[in-house]
Full PDB file with SEQRES, HELIX, SHEET, SSBOND, CRYST1, ORIGX, SCALE, CONECT and MASTER records, all heavy atoms in Angstrom:
SEQRES   1 A   47  GLY GLN LEU LEU ALA GLN ALA HIS GLY GLY THR VAL GLU          
SEQRES   2 A   47  ARG SER THR MET GLY PRO GLU ILE GLY ALA ARG LEU VAL          
SEQRES   3 A   47  ALA ARG ARG ASP VAL ALA GLU SER ASP PRO LEU TRP TRP          
SEQRES   4 A   47  ALA VAL PRO PHE ALA PRO ASP VAL                              
HELIX    1 AA1 GLN A    2  ALA A    7  1                                   6    
HELIX    2 AA2 ASP A   30  SER A   34  5                                   5    
CRYST1    1.000    1.000    1.000  90.00  90.00  90.00 P 1           1          
ORIGX1      1.000000  0.000000  0.000000        0.00000                         
ORIGX2      0.000000  1.000000  0.000000        0.00000                         
ORIGX3      0.000000  0.000000  1.000000        0.00000                         
SCALE1      1.000000  0.000000  0.000000        0.00000                         
SCALE2      0.000000  1.000000  0.000000        0.00000                         
SCALE3      0.000000  0.000000  1.000000        0.00000                         
ATOM      1  N   GLY A   1       0.819  -1.208   0.000  1.00  0.00           N  
ATOM      2  CA  GLY A   1       0.000   0.000   0.000  1.00  0.00           C  
ATOM      3  C   GLY A   1       0.851   1.254   0.000  1.00  0.00           C  
ATOM      4  O   GLY A   1       0.533   2.245  -0.667  1.00  0.00           O  
ATOM      5  N   GLN A   2       1.945   1.234   0.754  1.00  0.00           N  
ATOM      6  CA  GLN A   2       2.848   2.378   0.771  1.00  0.00           C  
ATOM      7  C   GLN A   2       3.471   2.592  -0.610  1.00  0.00           C  
ATOM      8  O   GLN A   2       3.593   3.732  -1.081  1.00  0.00           O  
ATOM      9  CB  GLN A   2       3.943   2.153   1.814  1.00  0.00           C  
ATOM     10  CG  GLN A   2       3.427   2.148   3.245  1.00  0.00           C  
ATOM     11  CD  GLN A   2       4.518   1.798   4.243  1.00  0.00           C  
ATOM     12  OE1 GLN A   2       5.658   1.517   3.872  1.00  0.00           O  
ATOM     13  NE2 GLN A   2       4.175   1.810   5.525  1.00  0.00           N  
ATOM     14  N   LEU A   3       3.856   1.500  -1.271  1.00  0.00           N  
ATOM     15  CA  LEU A   3       4.425   1.620  -2.615  1.00  0.00           C  
ATOM     16  C   LEU A   3       3.402   2.160  -3.606  1.00  0.00           C  
ATOM     17  O   LEU A   3       3.736   2.956  -4.486  1.00  0.00           O  
ATOM     18  CB  LEU A   3       4.940   0.260  -3.082  1.00  0.00           C  
ATOM     19  CG  LEU A   3       6.242  -0.241  -2.455  1.00  0.00           C  
ATOM     20  CD1 LEU A   3       6.474  -1.702  -2.822  1.00  0.00           C  
ATOM     21  CD2 LEU A   3       7.424   0.611  -2.892  1.00  0.00           C  
ATOM     22  N   LEU A   4       2.157   1.708  -3.480  1.00  0.00           N  
ATOM     23  CA  LEU A   4       1.100   2.201  -4.361  1.00  0.00           C  
ATOM     24  C   LEU A   4       0.955   3.712  -4.213  1.00  0.00           C  
ATOM     25  O   LEU A   4       0.834   4.439  -5.215  1.00  0.00           O  
ATOM     26  CB  LEU A   4      -0.222   1.503  -4.033  1.00  0.00           C  
ATOM     27  CG  LEU A   4      -1.448   1.946  -4.826  1.00  0.00           C  
ATOM     28  CD1 LEU A   4      -1.298   1.633  -6.312  1.00  0.00           C  
ATOM     29  CD2 LEU A   4      -2.714   1.270  -4.268  1.00  0.00           C  
ATOM     30  N   ALA A   5       0.975   4.197  -2.975  1.00  0.00           N  
ATOM     31  CA  ALA A   5       0.876   5.640  -2.735  1.00  0.00           C  
ATOM     32  C   ALA A   5       2.101   6.372  -3.266  1.00  0.00           C  
ATOM     33  O   ALA A   5       1.984   7.381  -3.979  1.00  0.00           O  
ATOM     34  CB  ALA A   5       0.702   5.909  -1.246  1.00  0.00           C  
ATOM     35  N   GLN A   6       3.273   5.878  -2.935  1.00  0.00           N  
ATOM     36  CA  GLN A   6       4.510   6.554  -3.340  1.00  0.00           C  
ATOM     37  C   GLN A   6       4.668   6.588  -4.852  1.00  0.00           C  
ATOM     38  O   GLN A   6       5.146   7.582  -5.419  1.00  0.00           O  
ATOM     39  CB  GLN A   6       5.700   5.831  -2.696  1.00  0.00           C  
ATOM     40  CG  GLN A   6       7.043   6.492  -2.943  1.00  0.00           C  
ATOM     41  CD  GLN A   6       8.128   5.869  -2.087  1.00  0.00           C  
ATOM     42  OE1 GLN A   6       8.276   6.208  -0.912  1.00  0.00           O  
ATOM     43  NE2 GLN A   6       8.889   4.949  -2.656  1.00  0.00           N  
ATOM     44  N   ALA A   7       4.259   5.509  -5.522  1.00  0.00           N  
ATOM     45  CA  ALA A   7       4.387   5.436  -6.974  1.00  0.00           C  
ATOM     46  C   ALA A   7       3.535   6.483  -7.674  1.00  0.00           C  
ATOM     47  O   ALA A   7       3.791   6.813  -8.844  1.00  0.00           O  
ATOM     48  CB  ALA A   7       3.987   4.043  -7.468  1.00  0.00           C  
ATOM     49  N   HIS A   8       2.530   7.022  -6.987  1.00  0.00           N  
ATOM     50  CA  HIS A   8       1.621   7.993  -7.605  1.00  0.00           C  
ATOM     51  C   HIS A   8       1.732   9.380  -6.975  1.00  0.00           C  
ATOM     52  O   HIS A   8       0.812  10.183  -7.057  1.00  0.00           O  
ATOM     53  CB  HIS A   8       0.187   7.475  -7.530  1.00  0.00           C  
ATOM     54  CG  HIS A   8      -0.036   6.281  -8.408  1.00  0.00           C  
ATOM     55  ND1 HIS A   8       0.227   4.995  -7.982  1.00  0.00           N  
ATOM     56  CD2 HIS A   8      -0.446   6.190  -9.701  1.00  0.00           C  
ATOM     57  CE1 HIS A   8      -0.035   4.159  -8.973  1.00  0.00           C  
ATOM     58  NE2 HIS A   8      -0.440   4.851 -10.022  1.00  0.00           N  
ATOM     59  N   GLY A   9       2.882   9.644  -6.348  1.00  0.00           N  
ATOM     60  CA  GLY A   9       3.129  10.991  -5.839  1.00  0.00           C  
ATOM     61  C   GLY A   9       2.833  11.191  -4.374  1.00  0.00           C  
ATOM     62  O   GLY A   9       2.996  12.311  -3.867  1.00  0.00           O  
ATOM     63  N   GLY A  10       2.402  10.143  -3.670  1.00  0.00           N  
ATOM     64  CA  GLY A  10       2.206  10.254  -2.234  1.00  0.00           C  
ATOM     65  C   GLY A  10       3.537  10.226  -1.500  1.00  0.00           C  
ATOM     66  O   GLY A  10       4.594   9.995  -2.096  1.00  0.00           O  
ATOM     67  N   THR A  11       3.489  10.445  -0.191  1.00  0.00           N  
ATOM     68  CA  THR A  11       4.698  10.495   0.618  1.00  0.00           C  
ATOM     69  C   THR A  11       4.664   9.418   1.691  1.00  0.00           C  
ATOM     70  O   THR A  11       3.666   9.268   2.406  1.00  0.00           O  
ATOM     71  CB  THR A  11       4.852  11.866   1.300  1.00  0.00           C  
ATOM     72  OG1 THR A  11       4.844  12.893   0.302  1.00  0.00           O  
ATOM     73  CG2 THR A  11       6.149  11.945   2.089  1.00  0.00           C  
ATOM     74  N   VAL A  12       5.748   8.659   1.790  1.00  0.00           N  
ATOM     75  CA  VAL A  12       5.909   7.638   2.822  1.00  0.00           C  
ATOM     76  C   VAL A  12       7.160   7.978   3.621  1.00  0.00           C  
ATOM     77  O   VAL A  12       8.219   8.256   3.049  1.00  0.00           O  
ATOM     78  CB  VAL A  12       6.031   6.228   2.211  1.00  0.00           C  
ATOM     79  CG1 VAL A  12       6.197   5.179   3.311  1.00  0.00           C  
ATOM     80  CG2 VAL A  12       4.821   5.909   1.350  1.00  0.00           C  
ATOM     81  N   GLU A  13       7.046   7.965   4.949  1.00  0.00           N  
ATOM     82  CA  GLU A  13       8.159   8.317   5.821  1.00  0.00           C  
ATOM     83  C   GLU A  13       8.181   7.395   7.035  1.00  0.00           C  
ATOM     84  O   GLU A  13       7.189   6.721   7.339  1.00  0.00           O  
ATOM     85  CB  GLU A  13       8.028   9.770   6.304  1.00  0.00           C  
ATOM     86  CG  GLU A  13       8.016  10.802   5.181  1.00  0.00           C  
ATOM     87  CD  GLU A  13       7.737  12.189   5.703  1.00  0.00           C  
ATOM     88  OE1 GLU A  13       6.646  12.419   6.257  1.00  0.00           O  
ATOM     89  OE2 GLU A  13       8.625  13.050   5.554  1.00  0.00           O  
ATOM     90  N   ARG A  14       9.289   7.380   7.727  1.00  0.00           N  
ATOM     91  CA  ARG A  14       9.346   6.706   9.017  1.00  0.00           C  
ATOM     92  C   ARG A  14       8.393   7.433   9.965  1.00  0.00           C  
ATOM     93  O   ARG A  14       8.429   8.655  10.084  1.00  0.00           O  
ATOM     94  CB  ARG A  14      10.768   6.747   9.558  1.00  0.00           C  
ATOM     95  CG  ARG A  14      10.990   6.034  10.861  1.00  0.00           C  
ATOM     96  CD  ARG A  14      10.832   4.548  10.793  1.00  0.00           C  
ATOM     97  NE  ARG A  14      11.690   3.884   9.831  1.00  0.00           N  
ATOM     98  CZ  ARG A  14      12.004   2.601   9.865  1.00  0.00           C  
ATOM     99  NH1 ARG A  14      11.502   1.834  10.827  1.00  0.00           N  
ATOM    100  NH2 ARG A  14      12.768   2.056   8.958  1.00  0.00           N  
ATOM    101  N   SER A  15       7.503   6.694  10.612  1.00  0.00           N  
ATOM    102  CA  SER A  15       6.472   7.330  11.412  1.00  0.00           C  
ATOM    103  C   SER A  15       7.048   8.026  12.636  1.00  0.00           C  
ATOM    104  O   SER A  15       7.836   7.440  13.384  1.00  0.00           O  
ATOM    105  CB  SER A  15       5.446   6.286  11.864  1.00  0.00           C  
ATOM    106  OG  SER A  15       4.504   6.884  12.723  1.00  0.00           O  
ATOM    107  N   THR A  16       6.654   9.268  12.840  1.00  0.00           N  
ATOM    108  CA  THR A  16       7.083   9.998  14.029  1.00  0.00           C  
ATOM    109  C   THR A  16       6.333   9.527  15.274  1.00  0.00           C  
ATOM    110  O   THR A  16       6.738   9.829  16.400  1.00  0.00           O  
ATOM    111  CB  THR A  16       6.850  11.508  13.847  1.00  0.00           C  
ATOM    112  OG1 THR A  16       5.452  11.744  13.601  1.00  0.00           O  
ATOM    113  CG2 THR A  16       7.667  12.040  12.680  1.00  0.00           C  
ATOM    114  N   MET A  17       5.238   8.770  15.073  1.00  0.00           N  
ATOM    115  CA  MET A  17       4.459   8.245  16.195  1.00  0.00           C  
ATOM    116  C   MET A  17       4.997   6.914  16.689  1.00  0.00           C  
ATOM    117  O   MET A  17       4.482   6.358  17.652  1.00  0.00           O  
ATOM    118  CB  MET A  17       3.001   8.084  15.773  1.00  0.00           C  
ATOM    119  CG  MET A  17       2.327   9.355  15.303  1.00  0.00           C  
ATOM    120  SD  MET A  17       2.231  10.601  16.604  1.00  0.00           S  
ATOM    121  CE  MET A  17       1.069   9.833  17.718  1.00  0.00           C  
ATOM    122  N   GLY A  18       6.023   6.400  16.031  1.00  0.00           N  
ATOM    123  CA  GLY A  18       6.553   5.107  16.417  1.00  0.00           C  
ATOM    124  C   GLY A  18       5.816   3.977  15.713  1.00  0.00           C  
ATOM    125  O   GLY A  18       4.860   4.202  14.977  1.00  0.00           O  
ATOM    126  N   PRO A  19       6.259   2.749  15.940  1.00  0.00           N  
ATOM    127  CA  PRO A  19       5.640   1.615  15.251  1.00  0.00           C  
ATOM    128  C   PRO A  19       4.219   1.352  15.738  1.00  0.00           C  
ATOM    129  O   PRO A  19       3.854   1.702  16.868  1.00  0.00           O  
ATOM    130  CB  PRO A  19       6.561   0.445  15.602  1.00  0.00           C  
ATOM    131  CG  PRO A  19       7.214   0.848  16.884  1.00  0.00           C  
ATOM    132  CD  PRO A  19       7.376   2.336  16.809  1.00  0.00           C  
ATOM    133  N   GLU A  20       3.434   0.740  14.863  1.00  0.00           N  
ATOM    134  CA  GLU A  20       2.081   0.295  15.211  1.00  0.00           C  
ATOM    135  C   GLU A  20       2.062  -1.223  15.043  1.00  0.00           C  
ATOM    136  O   GLU A  20       2.271  -1.738  13.948  1.00  0.00           O  
ATOM    137  CB  GLU A  20       1.041   0.954  14.299  1.00  0.00           C  
ATOM    138  CG  GLU A  20      -0.385   0.612  14.694  1.00  0.00           C  
ATOM    139  CD  GLU A  20      -1.416   1.327  13.825  1.00  0.00           C  
ATOM    140  OE1 GLU A  20      -1.117   1.614  12.647  1.00  0.00           O  
ATOM    141  OE2 GLU A  20      -2.521   1.592  14.336  1.00  0.00           O  
ATOM    142  N   ILE A  21       1.839  -1.933  16.153  1.00  0.00           N  
ATOM    143  CA  ILE A  21       1.968  -3.381  16.149  1.00  0.00           C  
ATOM    144  C   ILE A  21       0.805  -4.007  16.920  1.00  0.00           C  
ATOM    145  O   ILE A  21       0.457  -3.547  18.016  1.00  0.00           O  
ATOM    146  CB  ILE A  21       3.301  -3.821  16.789  1.00  0.00           C  
ATOM    147  CG1 ILE A  21       4.492  -3.234  16.022  1.00  0.00           C  
ATOM    148  CG2 ILE A  21       3.417  -5.337  16.851  1.00  0.00           C  
ATOM    149  CD1 ILE A  21       5.845  -3.478  16.684  1.00  0.00           C  
ATOM    150  N   GLY A  22       0.227  -5.054  16.343  1.00  0.00           N  
ATOM    151  CA  GLY A  22      -0.793  -5.815  17.053  1.00  0.00           C  
ATOM    152  C   GLY A  22      -2.179  -5.654  16.489  1.00  0.00           C  
ATOM    153  O   GLY A  22      -2.387  -5.043  15.430  1.00  0.00           O  
ATOM    154  N   ALA A  23      -3.143  -6.222  17.184  1.00  0.00           N  
ATOM    155  CA  ALA A  23      -4.547  -6.112  16.789  1.00  0.00           C  
ATOM    156  C   ALA A  23      -5.053  -4.711  17.117  1.00  0.00           C  
ATOM    157  O   ALA A  23      -4.920  -4.249  18.253  1.00  0.00           O  
ATOM    158  CB  ALA A  23      -5.378  -7.165  17.512  1.00  0.00           C  
ATOM    159  N   ARG A  24      -5.617  -4.055  16.123  1.00  0.00           N  
ATOM    160  CA  ARG A  24      -6.110  -2.692  16.302  1.00  0.00           C  
ATOM    161  C   ARG A  24      -7.435  -2.541  15.570  1.00  0.00           C  
ATOM    162  O   ARG A  24      -7.863  -3.425  14.812  1.00  0.00           O  
ATOM    163  CB  ARG A  24      -5.102  -1.676  15.740  1.00  0.00           C  
ATOM    164  CG  ARG A  24      -3.741  -1.687  16.421  1.00  0.00           C  
ATOM    165  CD  ARG A  24      -3.813  -1.095  17.821  1.00  0.00           C  
ATOM    166  NE  ARG A  24      -2.482  -0.966  18.415  1.00  0.00           N  
ATOM    167  CZ  ARG A  24      -1.898  -1.893  19.150  1.00  0.00           C  
ATOM    168  NH1 ARG A  24      -2.517  -3.059  19.351  1.00  0.00           N  
ATOM    169  NH2 ARG A  24      -0.699  -1.691  19.663  1.00  0.00           N  
ATOM    170  N   LEU A  25      -8.065  -1.401  15.775  1.00  0.00           N  
ATOM    171  CA  LEU A  25      -9.271  -1.050  15.031  1.00  0.00           C  
ATOM    172  C   LEU A  25      -8.963   0.120  14.108  1.00  0.00           C  
ATOM    173  O   LEU A  25      -8.169   0.997  14.452  1.00  0.00           O  
ATOM    174  CB  LEU A  25     -10.414  -0.652  15.979  1.00  0.00           C  
ATOM    175  CG  LEU A  25     -10.937  -1.708  16.943  1.00  0.00           C  
ATOM    176  CD1 LEU A  25     -11.965  -1.091  17.892  1.00  0.00           C  
ATOM    177  CD2 LEU A  25     -11.548  -2.879  16.184  1.00  0.00           C  
ATOM    178  N   VAL A  26      -9.578   0.135  12.946  1.00  0.00           N  
ATOM    179  CA  VAL A  26      -9.569   1.311  12.089  1.00  0.00           C  
ATOM    180  C   VAL A  26     -11.011   1.732  11.867  1.00  0.00           C  
ATOM    181  O   VAL A  26     -11.940   0.942  12.070  1.00  0.00           O  
ATOM    182  CB  VAL A  26      -8.861   1.047  10.738  1.00  0.00           C  
ATOM    183  CG1 VAL A  26      -7.408   0.683  10.957  1.00  0.00           C  
ATOM    184  CG2 VAL A  26      -9.579  -0.040   9.945  1.00  0.00           C  
ATOM    185  N   ALA A  27     -11.211   2.962  11.467  1.00  0.00           N  
ATOM    186  CA  ALA A  27     -12.557   3.488  11.270  1.00  0.00           C  
ATOM    187  C   ALA A  27     -12.826   3.704   9.782  1.00  0.00           C  
ATOM    188  O   ALA A  27     -12.075   4.418   9.112  1.00  0.00           O  
ATOM    189  CB  ALA A  27     -12.736   4.807  12.023  1.00  0.00           C  
ATOM    190  N   ARG A  28     -13.867   3.085   9.308  1.00  0.00           N  
ATOM    191  CA  ARG A  28     -14.264   3.268   7.907  1.00  0.00           C  
ATOM    192  C   ARG A  28     -14.905   4.642   7.728  1.00  0.00           C  
ATOM    193  O   ARG A  28     -15.738   5.063   8.515  1.00  0.00           O  
ATOM    194  CB  ARG A  28     -15.279   2.182   7.526  1.00  0.00           C  
ATOM    195  CG  ARG A  28     -15.590   2.106   6.052  1.00  0.00           C  
ATOM    196  CD  ARG A  28     -16.754   1.184   5.799  1.00  0.00           C  
ATOM    197  NE  ARG A  28     -18.010   1.789   6.264  1.00  0.00           N  
ATOM    198  CZ  ARG A  28     -19.215   1.284   6.029  1.00  0.00           C  
ATOM    199  NH1 ARG A  28     -19.335   0.158   5.370  1.00  0.00           N  
ATOM    200  NH2 ARG A  28     -20.285   1.890   6.483  1.00  0.00           N  
ATOM    201  N   ARG A  29     -14.508   5.342   6.680  1.00  0.00           N  
ATOM    202  CA  ARG A  29     -15.078   6.658   6.406  1.00  0.00           C  
ATOM    203  C   ARG A  29     -16.372   6.526   5.609  1.00  0.00           C  
ATOM    204  O   ARG A  29     -16.629   5.509   4.952  1.00  0.00           O  
ATOM    205  CB  ARG A  29     -14.065   7.515   5.640  1.00  0.00           C  
ATOM    206  CG  ARG A  29     -12.838   7.845   6.493  1.00  0.00           C  
ATOM    207  CD  ARG A  29     -11.770   8.554   5.704  1.00  0.00           C  
ATOM    208  NE  ARG A  29     -12.224   9.832   5.181  1.00  0.00           N  
ATOM    209  CZ  ARG A  29     -12.159  10.991   5.829  1.00  0.00           C  
ATOM    210  NH1 ARG A  29     -11.668  11.032   7.051  1.00  0.00           N  
ATOM    211  NH2 ARG A  29     -12.563  12.106   5.268  1.00  0.00           N  
ATOM    212  N   ASP A  30     -17.196   7.569   5.652  1.00  0.00           N  
ATOM    213  CA  ASP A  30     -18.504   7.515   5.005  1.00  0.00           C  
ATOM    214  C   ASP A  30     -18.408   7.217   3.513  1.00  0.00           C  
ATOM    215  O   ASP A  30     -19.251   6.527   2.942  1.00  0.00           O  
ATOM    216  CB  ASP A  30     -19.267   8.830   5.220  1.00  0.00           C  
ATOM    217  CG  ASP A  30     -19.725   9.012   6.655  1.00  0.00           C  
ATOM    218  OD1 ASP A  30     -19.701   8.029   7.414  1.00  0.00           O  
ATOM    219  OD2 ASP A  30     -20.095  10.152   7.021  1.00  0.00           O  
ATOM    220  N   VAL A  31     -17.369   7.755   2.860  1.00  0.00           N  
ATOM    221  CA  VAL A  31     -17.233   7.581   1.415  1.00  0.00           C  
ATOM    222  C   VAL A  31     -17.081   6.105   1.042  1.00  0.00           C  
ATOM    223  O   VAL A  31     -17.362   5.705  -0.095  1.00  0.00           O  
ATOM    224  CB  VAL A  31     -16.042   8.412   0.894  1.00  0.00           C  
ATOM    225  CG1 VAL A  31     -14.719   7.822   1.367  1.00  0.00           C  
ATOM    226  CG2 VAL A  31     -16.071   8.524  -0.618  1.00  0.00           C  
ATOM    227  N   ALA A  32     -16.675   5.277   2.002  1.00  0.00           N  
ATOM    228  CA  ALA A  32     -16.507   3.848   1.726  1.00  0.00           C  
ATOM    229  C   ALA A  32     -17.830   3.152   1.442  1.00  0.00           C  
ATOM    230  O   ALA A  32     -17.850   2.048   0.894  1.00  0.00           O  
ATOM    231  CB  ALA A  32     -15.807   3.168   2.903  1.00  0.00           C  
ATOM    232  N   GLU A  33     -18.941   3.780   1.792  1.00  0.00           N  
ATOM    233  CA  GLU A  33     -20.261   3.200   1.518  1.00  0.00           C  
ATOM    234  C   GLU A  33     -20.464   2.902   0.038  1.00  0.00           C  
ATOM    235  O   GLU A  33     -21.192   1.987  -0.331  1.00  0.00           O  
ATOM    236  CB  GLU A  33     -21.365   4.153   1.994  1.00  0.00           C  
ATOM    237  CG  GLU A  33     -21.575   4.161   3.496  1.00  0.00           C  
ATOM    238  CD  GLU A  33     -22.358   2.949   3.975  1.00  0.00           C  
ATOM    239  OE1 GLU A  33     -22.965   2.267   3.126  1.00  0.00           O  
ATOM    240  OE2 GLU A  33     -22.345   2.688   5.189  1.00  0.00           O  
ATOM    241  N   SER A  34     -19.815   3.673  -0.833  1.00  0.00           N  
ATOM    242  CA  SER A  34     -20.001   3.480  -2.269  1.00  0.00           C  
ATOM    243  C   SER A  34     -18.817   2.790  -2.929  1.00  0.00           C  
ATOM    244  O   SER A  34     -18.744   2.725  -4.163  1.00  0.00           O  
ATOM    245  CB  SER A  34     -20.243   4.836  -2.954  1.00  0.00           C  
ATOM    246  OG  SER A  34     -19.149   5.709  -2.745  1.00  0.00           O  
ATOM    247  N   ASP A  35     -17.894   2.263  -2.127  1.00  0.00           N  
ATOM    248  CA  ASP A  35     -16.717   1.602  -2.680  1.00  0.00           C  
ATOM    249  C   ASP A  35     -17.023   0.136  -2.999  1.00  0.00           C  
ATOM    250  O   ASP A  35     -17.674  -0.550  -2.199  1.00  0.00           O  
ATOM    251  CB  ASP A  35     -15.566   1.676  -1.677  1.00  0.00           C  
ATOM    252  CG  ASP A  35     -14.279   1.105  -2.239  1.00  0.00           C  
ATOM    253  OD1 ASP A  35     -13.582   1.827  -2.968  1.00  0.00           O  
ATOM    254  OD2 ASP A  35     -13.998  -0.081  -1.976  1.00  0.00           O  
ATOM    255  N   PRO A  36     -16.552  -0.383  -4.136  1.00  0.00           N  
ATOM    256  CA  PRO A  36     -16.870  -1.762  -4.530  1.00  0.00           C  
ATOM    257  C   PRO A  36     -16.380  -2.829  -3.555  1.00  0.00           C  
ATOM    258  O   PRO A  36     -16.984  -3.898  -3.461  1.00  0.00           O  
ATOM    259  CB  PRO A  36     -16.161  -1.918  -5.883  1.00  0.00           C  
ATOM    260  CG  PRO A  36     -16.009  -0.533  -6.401  1.00  0.00           C  
ATOM    261  CD  PRO A  36     -15.818   0.330  -5.200  1.00  0.00           C  
ATOM    262  N   LEU A  37     -15.300  -2.551  -2.837  1.00  0.00           N  
ATOM    263  CA  LEU A  37     -14.790  -3.525  -1.875  1.00  0.00           C  
ATOM    264  C   LEU A  37     -15.178  -3.203  -0.433  1.00  0.00           C  
ATOM    265  O   LEU A  37     -15.413  -4.097   0.374  1.00  0.00           O  
ATOM    266  CB  LEU A  37     -13.257  -3.613  -1.952  1.00  0.00           C  
ATOM    267  CG  LEU A  37     -12.628  -4.019  -3.278  1.00  0.00           C  
ATOM    268  CD1 LEU A  37     -11.133  -4.276  -3.083  1.00  0.00           C  
ATOM    269  CD2 LEU A  37     -13.299  -5.233  -3.886  1.00  0.00           C  
ATOM    270  N   TRP A  38     -15.244  -1.926  -0.111  1.00  0.00           N  
ATOM    271  CA  TRP A  38     -15.381  -1.521   1.282  1.00  0.00           C  
ATOM    272  C   TRP A  38     -16.811  -1.344   1.761  1.00  0.00           C  
ATOM    273  O   TRP A  38     -17.040  -1.195   2.963  1.00  0.00           O  
ATOM    274  CB  TRP A  38     -14.610  -0.217   1.507  1.00  0.00           C  
ATOM    275  CG  TRP A  38     -13.169  -0.450   1.816  1.00  0.00           C  
ATOM    276  CD1 TRP A  38     -12.153  -0.696   0.929  1.00  0.00           C  
ATOM    277  CD2 TRP A  38     -12.574  -0.506   3.112  1.00  0.00           C  
ATOM    278  NE1 TRP A  38     -10.978  -0.889   1.583  1.00  0.00           N  
ATOM    279  CE2 TRP A  38     -11.195  -0.778   2.928  1.00  0.00           C  
ATOM    280  CE3 TRP A  38     -13.073  -0.334   4.403  1.00  0.00           C  
ATOM    281  CZ2 TRP A  38     -10.320  -0.895   4.006  1.00  0.00           C  
ATOM    282  CZ3 TRP A  38     -12.196  -0.449   5.473  1.00  0.00           C  
ATOM    283  CH2 TRP A  38     -10.838  -0.725   5.262  1.00  0.00           C  
ATOM    284  N   TRP A  39     -17.802  -1.380   0.855  1.00  0.00           N  
ATOM    285  CA  TRP A  39     -19.162  -1.029   1.286  1.00  0.00           C  
ATOM    286  C   TRP A  39     -19.690  -1.943   2.386  1.00  0.00           C  
ATOM    287  O   TRP A  39     -20.483  -1.523   3.236  1.00  0.00           O  
ATOM    288  CB  TRP A  39     -20.115  -1.027   0.092  1.00  0.00           C  
ATOM    289  CG  TRP A  39     -20.353  -2.378  -0.538  1.00  0.00           C  
ATOM    290  CD1 TRP A  39     -19.719  -2.888  -1.623  1.00  0.00           C  
ATOM    291  CD2 TRP A  39     -21.289  -3.370  -0.122  1.00  0.00           C  
ATOM    292  NE1 TRP A  39     -20.185  -4.149  -1.916  1.00  0.00           N  
ATOM    293  CE2 TRP A  39     -21.161  -4.467  -1.007  1.00  0.00           C  
ATOM    294  CE3 TRP A  39     -22.227  -3.444   0.909  1.00  0.00           C  
ATOM    295  CZ2 TRP A  39     -21.938  -5.627  -0.889  1.00  0.00           C  
ATOM    296  CZ3 TRP A  39     -22.998  -4.603   1.027  1.00  0.00           C  
ATOM    297  CH2 TRP A  39     -22.852  -5.672   0.141  1.00  0.00           C  
ATOM    298  N   ALA A  40     -19.248  -3.212   2.415  1.00  0.00           N  
ATOM    299  CA  ALA A  40     -19.765  -4.165   3.401  1.00  0.00           C  
ATOM    300  C   ALA A  40     -18.855  -4.316   4.617  1.00  0.00           C  
ATOM    301  O   ALA A  40     -19.156  -5.096   5.515  1.00  0.00           O  
ATOM    302  CB  ALA A  40     -19.979  -5.524   2.737  1.00  0.00           C  
ATOM    303  N   VAL A  41     -17.742  -3.592   4.656  1.00  0.00           N  
ATOM    304  CA  VAL A  41     -16.842  -3.652   5.809  1.00  0.00           C  
ATOM    305  C   VAL A  41     -17.488  -2.896   6.972  1.00  0.00           C  
ATOM    306  O   VAL A  41     -18.047  -1.815   6.781  1.00  0.00           O  
ATOM    307  CB  VAL A  41     -15.475  -3.026   5.454  1.00  0.00           C  
ATOM    308  CG1 VAL A  41     -14.578  -2.925   6.690  1.00  0.00           C  
ATOM    309  CG2 VAL A  41     -14.786  -3.851   4.367  1.00  0.00           C  
ATOM    310  N   PRO A  42     -17.462  -3.448   8.189  1.00  0.00           N  
ATOM    311  CA  PRO A  42     -18.062  -2.757   9.337  1.00  0.00           C  
ATOM    312  C   PRO A  42     -17.421  -1.399   9.586  1.00  0.00           C  
ATOM    313  O   PRO A  42     -16.326  -1.110   9.090  1.00  0.00           O  
ATOM    314  CB  PRO A  42     -17.799  -3.702  10.520  1.00  0.00           C  
ATOM    315  CG  PRO A  42     -17.428  -5.003   9.936  1.00  0.00           C  
ATOM    316  CD  PRO A  42     -16.887  -4.744   8.572  1.00  0.00           C  
ATOM    317  N   PHE A  43     -18.095  -0.599  10.405  1.00  0.00           N  
ATOM    318  CA  PHE A  43     -17.605   0.751  10.679  1.00  0.00           C  
ATOM    319  C   PHE A  43     -16.215   0.728  11.316  1.00  0.00           C  
ATOM    320  O   PHE A  43     -15.356   1.559  10.989  1.00  0.00           O  
ATOM    321  CB  PHE A  43     -18.570   1.499  11.607  1.00  0.00           C  
ATOM    322  CG  PHE A  43     -18.042   2.827  12.072  1.00  0.00           C  
ATOM    323  CD1 PHE A  43     -17.953   3.897  11.195  1.00  0.00           C  
ATOM    324  CD2 PHE A  43     -17.589   2.992  13.373  1.00  0.00           C  
ATOM    325  CE1 PHE A  43     -17.430   5.113  11.606  1.00  0.00           C  
ATOM    326  CE2 PHE A  43     -17.064   4.208  13.794  1.00  0.00           C  
ATOM    327  CZ  PHE A  43     -16.994   5.268  12.915  1.00  0.00           C  
ATOM    328  N   ALA A  44     -15.962  -0.214  12.224  1.00  0.00           N  
ATOM    329  CA  ALA A  44     -14.663  -0.273  12.907  1.00  0.00           C  
ATOM    330  C   ALA A  44     -14.147  -1.712  12.894  1.00  0.00           C  
ATOM    331  O   ALA A  44     -14.248  -2.427  13.886  1.00  0.00           O  
ATOM    332  CB  ALA A  44     -14.779   0.250  14.339  1.00  0.00           C  
ATOM    333  N   PRO A  45     -13.583  -2.165  11.773  1.00  0.00           N  
ATOM    334  CA  PRO A  45     -13.132  -3.548  11.678  1.00  0.00           C  
ATOM    335  C   PRO A  45     -11.817  -3.792  12.426  1.00  0.00           C  
ATOM    336  O   PRO A  45     -10.986  -2.904  12.573  1.00  0.00           O  
ATOM    337  CB  PRO A  45     -12.929  -3.738  10.172  1.00  0.00           C  
ATOM    338  CG  PRO A  45     -12.555  -2.372   9.683  1.00  0.00           C  
ATOM    339  CD  PRO A  45     -13.376  -1.423  10.516  1.00  0.00           C  
ATOM    340  N   ASP A  46     -11.649  -5.031  12.883  1.00  0.00           N  
ATOM    341  CA  ASP A  46     -10.369  -5.460  13.433  1.00  0.00           C  
ATOM    342  C   ASP A  46      -9.351  -5.605  12.307  1.00  0.00           C  
ATOM    343  O   ASP A  46      -9.671  -6.113  11.224  1.00  0.00           O  
ATOM    344  CB  ASP A  46     -10.515  -6.816  14.128  1.00  0.00           C  
ATOM    345  CG  ASP A  46     -11.320  -6.735  15.408  1.00  0.00           C  
ATOM    346  OD1 ASP A  46     -10.845  -6.078  16.353  1.00  0.00           O  
ATOM    347  OD2 ASP A  46     -12.423  -7.320  15.457  1.00  0.00           O  
ATOM    348  N   VAL A  47      -8.126  -5.185  12.563  1.00  0.00           N  
ATOM    349  CA  VAL A  47      -7.030  -5.361  11.613  1.00  0.00           C  
ATOM    350  C   VAL A  47      -5.776  -5.737  12.386  1.00  0.00           C  
ATOM    351  O   VAL A  47      -5.704  -5.554  13.608  1.00  0.00           O  
ATOM    352  CB  VAL A  47      -6.773  -4.084  10.781  1.00  0.00           C  
ATOM    353  CG1 VAL A  47      -8.005  -3.706   9.965  1.00  0.00           C  
ATOM    354  CG2 VAL A  47      -6.339  -2.926  11.669  1.00  0.00           C  
TER     355      VAL A  47                                                      
MASTER        0    0    0    2    0    0    0    6  354    1    0    4          
END                                                                             
């Protein structure tokens, strides 16, 4: 995913927040309701 972003002009850097490791939750944004893959993903899925 980082390479996909960087290849199209996005920026990838060493995180100033430190590493993120383990089971976490992410929050789906409203725009995902119309996405072909994300529309059925819960609001806060485990990752």
